[in-house]
PDB file of N, CA and C in Angstrom:
ATOM      1  N   VAL A   1     106.449  54.432  85.202  1.00  0.00           N
ATOM      2  CA  VAL A   1     106.248  54.934  86.563  1.00  0.00           C
ATOM      3  C   VAL A   1     107.209  56.038  86.882  1.00  0.00           C
ATOM      4  N   SER A   2     108.462  55.850  86.530  1.00  0.00           N
ATOM      5  CA  SER A   2     109.472  56.874  86.808  1.00  0.00           C
ATOM      6  C   SER A   2     109.146  58.183  86.192  1.00  0.00           C
ATOM      7  N   LYS A   3     108.534  58.130  84.967  1.00  0.00           N
ATOM      8  CA  LYS A   3     108.209  59.416  84.240  1.00  0.00           C
ATOM      9  C   LYS A   3     107.216  60.205  85.057  1.00  0.00           C
ATOM     10  N   THR A   4     106.152  59.523  85.536  1.00  0.00           N
ATOM     11  CA  THR A   4     105.112  60.251  86.323  1.00  0.00           C
ATOM     12  C   THR A   4     105.706  60.869  87.571  1.00  0.00           C
ATOM     13  N   ILE A   5     106.626  60.148  88.207  1.00  0.00           N
ATOM     14  CA  ILE A   5     107.290  60.700  89.463  1.00  0.00           C
ATOM     15  C   ILE A   5     108.092  61.878  89.055  1.00  0.00           C
ATOM     16  N   GLU A   6     108.846  61.821  87.959  1.00  0.00           N
ATOM     17  CA  GLU A   6     109.621  63.012  87.548  1.00  0.00           C
ATOM     18  C   GLU A   6     108.714  64.205  87.307  1.00  0.00           C
ATOM     19  N   CYS A   7     107.597  63.976  86.622  1.00  0.00           N
ATOM     20  CA  CYS A   7     106.671  65.087  86.345  1.00  0.00           C
ATOM     21  C   CYS A   7     106.198  65.656  87.668  1.00  0.00           C
ATOM     22  N   LYS A   8     105.836  64.868  88.636  1.00  0.00           N
ATOM     23  CA  LYS A   8     105.396  65.378  89.936  1.00  0.00           C
ATOM     24  C   LYS A   8     106.489  66.182  90.596  1.00  0.00           C
ATOM     25  N   LEU A   9     107.685  65.687  90.571  1.00  0.00           N
ATOM     26  CA  LEU A   9     108.811  66.368  91.252  1.00  0.00           C
ATOM     27  C   LEU A   9     109.076  67.737  90.598  1.00  0.00           C
ATOM     28  N   THR A  10     109.062  67.773  89.234  1.00  0.00           N
ATOM     29  CA  THR A  10     109.334  69.099  88.609  1.00  0.00           C
ATOM     30  C   THR A  10     108.210  70.033  88.905  1.00  0.00           C
ATOM     31  N   GLY A  11     106.971  69.511  88.982  1.00  0.00           N
ATOM     32  CA  GLY A  11     105.848  70.393  89.274  1.00  0.00           C
ATOM     33  C   GLY A  11     106.026  71.010  90.675  1.00  0.00           C
ATOM     34  N   ASN A  12     106.433  70.194  91.669  1.00  0.00           N
ATOM     35  CA  ASN A  12     106.615  70.673  92.997  1.00  0.00           C
ATOM     36  C   ASN A  12     107.755  71.695  93.013  1.00  0.00           C
ATOM     37  N   ASN A  13     108.846  71.416  92.315  1.00  0.00           N
ATOM     38  CA  ASN A  13     109.972  72.327  92.251  1.00  0.00           C
ATOM     39  C   ASN A  13     109.506  73.667  91.665  1.00  0.00           C
ATOM     40  N   VAL A  14     108.701  73.653  90.666  1.00  0.00           N
ATOM     41  CA  VAL A  14     108.243  74.943  90.058  1.00  0.00           C
ATOM     42  C   VAL A  14     107.463  75.718  91.099  1.00  0.00           C
ATOM     43  N   LYS A  15     106.619  75.073  91.863  1.00  0.00           N
ATOM     44  CA  LYS A  15     105.859  75.755  92.902  1.00  0.00           C
ATOM     45  C   LYS A  15     106.783  76.296  93.932  1.00  0.00           C
ATOM     46  N   ASP A  16     107.817  75.547  94.334  1.00  0.00           N
ATOM     47  CA  ASP A  16     108.759  76.051  95.326  1.00  0.00           C
ATOM     48  C   ASP A  16     109.493  77.247  94.739  1.00  0.00           C
ATOM     49  N   ASP A  17     109.960  77.201  93.512  1.00  0.00           N
ATOM     50  CA  ASP A  17     110.635  78.318  92.948  1.00  0.00           C
ATOM     51  C   ASP A  17     109.741  79.579  92.912  1.00  0.00           C
ATOM     52  N   ILE A  18     108.471  79.389  92.538  1.00  0.00           N
ATOM     53  CA  ILE A  18     107.522  80.548  92.529  1.00  0.00           C
ATOM     54  C   ILE A  18     107.440  81.117  93.897  1.00  0.00           C
ATOM     55  N   ASN A  19     107.333  80.244  94.879  1.00  0.00           N
ATOM     56  CA  ASN A  19     107.155  80.769  96.290  1.00  0.00           C
ATOM     57  C   ASN A  19     108.407  81.547  96.695  1.00  0.00           C
ATOM     58  N   VAL A  20     109.547  81.072  96.300  1.00  0.00           N
ATOM     59  CA  VAL A  20     110.821  81.760  96.692  1.00  0.00           C
ATOM     60  C   VAL A  20     110.852  83.076  95.999  1.00  0.00           C
ATOM     61  N   VAL A  21     110.504  83.113  94.754  1.00  0.00           N
ATOM     62  CA  VAL A  21     110.549  84.395  93.929  1.00  0.00           C
ATOM     63  C   VAL A  21     109.536  85.367  94.530  1.00  0.00           C
ATOM     64  N   VAL A  22     108.307  84.874  94.865  1.00  0.00           N
ATOM     65  CA  VAL A  22     107.281  85.764  95.432  1.00  0.00           C
ATOM     66  C   VAL A  22     107.724  86.326  96.692  1.00  0.00           C
ATOM     67  N   SER A  23     108.237  85.499  97.649  1.00  0.00           N
ATOM     68  CA  SER A  23     108.647  85.999  98.923  1.00  0.00           C
ATOM     69  C   SER A  23     109.819  86.978  98.763  1.00  0.00           C
ATOM     70  N   TYR A  24     110.709  86.728  97.807  1.00  0.00           N
ATOM     71  CA  TYR A  24     111.824  87.657  97.565  1.00  0.00           C
ATOM     72  C   TYR A  24     111.298  89.034  97.099  1.00  0.00           C
ATOM     73  N   VAL A  25     110.357  88.972  96.156  1.00  0.00           N
ATOM     74  CA  VAL A  25     109.770  90.208  95.637  1.00  0.00           C
ATOM     75  C   VAL A  25     109.049  91.004  96.733  1.00  0.00           C
ATOM     76  N   ILE A  26     108.328  90.305  97.595  1.00  0.00           N
ATOM     77  CA  ILE A  26     107.594  90.893  98.657  1.00  0.00           C
ATOM     78  C   ILE A  26     108.553  91.585  99.589  1.00  0.00           C
ATOM     79  N   ARG A  27     109.678  90.938  99.871  1.00  0.00           N
ATOM     80  CA  ARG A  27     110.737  91.527 100.778  1.00  0.00           C
ATOM     81  C   ARG A  27     111.256  92.806 100.155  1.00  0.00           C
ATOM     82  N   LEU A  28     111.561  92.733  98.837  1.00  0.00           N
ATOM     83  CA  LEU A  28     112.035  93.928  98.127  1.00  0.00           C
ATOM     84  C   LEU A  28     111.050  95.079  98.238  1.00  0.00           C
ATOM     85  N   LEU A  29     109.776  94.799  97.978  1.00  0.00           N
ATOM     86  CA  LEU A  29     108.732  95.804  98.024  1.00  0.00           C
ATOM     87  C   LEU A  29     108.610  96.352  99.439  1.00  0.00           C
ATOM     88  N   LYS A  30     108.634  95.566 100.427  1.00  0.00           N
ATOM     89  CA  LYS A  30     108.587  96.045 101.836  1.00  0.00           C
ATOM     90  C   LYS A  30     109.755  96.981 102.091  1.00  0.00           C
ATOM     91  N   ALA A  31     110.974  96.623 101.662  1.00  0.00           N
ATOM     92  CA  ALA A  31     112.145  97.457 101.905  1.00  0.00           C
ATOM     93  C   ALA A  31     111.969  98.789 101.220  1.00  0.00           C
ATOM     94  N   LEU A  32     111.481  98.760  99.948  1.00  0.00           N
ATOM     95  CA  LEU A  32     111.275  99.976  99.209  1.00  0.00           C
ATOM     96  C   LEU A  32     110.271 100.858  99.907  1.00  0.00           C
ATOM     97  N   VAL A  33     109.116 100.308 100.348  1.00  0.00           N
ATOM     98  CA  VAL A  33     108.091 101.048 100.995  1.00  0.00           C
ATOM     99  C   VAL A  33     108.651 101.693 102.310  1.00  0.00           C
ATOM    100  N   GLY A  34     109.417 100.904 103.024  1.00  0.00           N
ATOM    101  CA  GLY A  34     110.026 101.405 104.278  1.00  0.00           C
ATOM    102  C   GLY A  34     110.928 102.560 103.992  1.00  0.00           C
ATOM    103  N   GLU A  35     111.728 102.516 102.929  1.00  0.00           N
ATOM    104  CA  GLU A  35     112.643 103.605 102.618  1.00  0.00           C
ATOM    105  C   GLU A  35     111.841 104.886 102.229  1.00  0.00           C
ATOM    106  N   LEU A  36     110.798 104.661 101.398  1.00  0.00           N
ATOM    107  CA  LEU A  36     109.939 105.815 100.983  1.00  0.00           C
ATOM    108  C   LEU A  36     109.333 106.467 102.200  1.00  0.00           C
ATOM    109  N   GLU A  37     108.803 105.674 103.138  1.00  0.00           N
ATOM    110  CA  GLU A  37     108.149 106.254 104.317  1.00  0.00           C
ATOM    111  C   GLU A  37     109.158 106.994 105.151  1.00  0.00           C
ATOM    112  N   GLN A  38     110.426 106.485 105.233  1.00  0.00           N
ATOM    113  CA  GLN A  38     111.436 107.168 105.996  1.00  0.00           C
ATOM    114  C   GLN A  38     111.732 108.536 105.393  1.00  0.00           C
ATOM    115  N   GLN A  39     111.820 108.516 104.041  1.00  0.00           N
ATOM    116  CA  GLN A  39     112.083 109.830 103.346  1.00  0.00           C
ATOM    117  C   GLN A  39     110.932 110.796 103.546  1.00  0.00           C
ATOM    118  N   LYS A  40     109.746 110.315 103.531  1.00  0.00           N
ATOM    119  CA  LYS A  40     108.580 111.197 103.757  1.00  0.00           C
ATOM    120  C   LYS A  40     108.657 111.779 105.153  1.00  0.00           C
ATOM    121  N   SER A  41     108.891 110.997 106.168  1.00  0.00           N
ATOM    122  CA  SER A  41     108.955 111.487 107.571  1.00  0.00           C
ATOM    123  C   SER A  41     110.097 112.508 107.712  1.00  0.00           C
ATOM    124  N   LYS A  42     111.230 112.279 107.008  1.00  0.00           N
ATOM    125  CA  LYS A  42     112.354 113.214 107.089  1.00  0.00           C
ATOM    126  C   LYS A  42     111.905 114.575 106.505  1.00  0.00           C
ATOM    127  N   ARG A  43     111.244 114.486 105.299  1.00  0.00           N
ATOM    128  CA  ARG A  43     110.753 115.720 104.663  1.00  0.00           C
ATOM    129  C   ARG A  43     109.783 116.476 105.523  1.00  0.00           C
ATOM    130  N   SER A  44     108.853 115.792 106.143  1.00  0.00           N
ATOM    131  CA  SER A  44     107.800 116.449 106.954  1.00  0.00           C
ATOM    132  C   SER A  44     108.460 117.136 108.172  1.00  0.00           C
ATOM    133  N   ARG A  45     109.494 116.488 108.718  1.00  0.00           N
ATOM    134  CA  ARG A  45     110.193 117.107 109.878  1.00  0.00           C
ATOM    135  C   ARG A  45     110.921 118.365 109.479  1.00  0.00           C
ATOM    136  N   MET A  46     111.583 118.320 108.326  1.00  0.00           N
ATOM    137  CA  MET A  46     112.291 119.523 107.804  1.00  0.00           C
ATOM    138  C   MET A  46     111.276 120.608 107.490  1.00  0.00           C
ATOM    139  N   GLY A  47     110.176 120.241 106.867  1.00  0.00           N
ATOM    140  CA  GLY A  47     109.141 121.259 106.458  1.00  0.00           C
ATOM    141  C   GLY A  47     108.504 121.782 107.705  1.00  0.00           C
TER     142      GLY A  47
END
C-alpha cells in the first residue's frame, strides 16, 4: 500500500514541478517581450 501512495505522491510532485517551471519560463518570456517592445518604441521615437 505504501508503495502505491509513494508513486502517487511523486507523480503529483512532478506535475507541480512542471507547473512551476512552465510559469517561470512564461514570466521570463513576458519580461523579454516587454523589453523588446520598449526598445522598439524608443527606436521609433528617435526615428
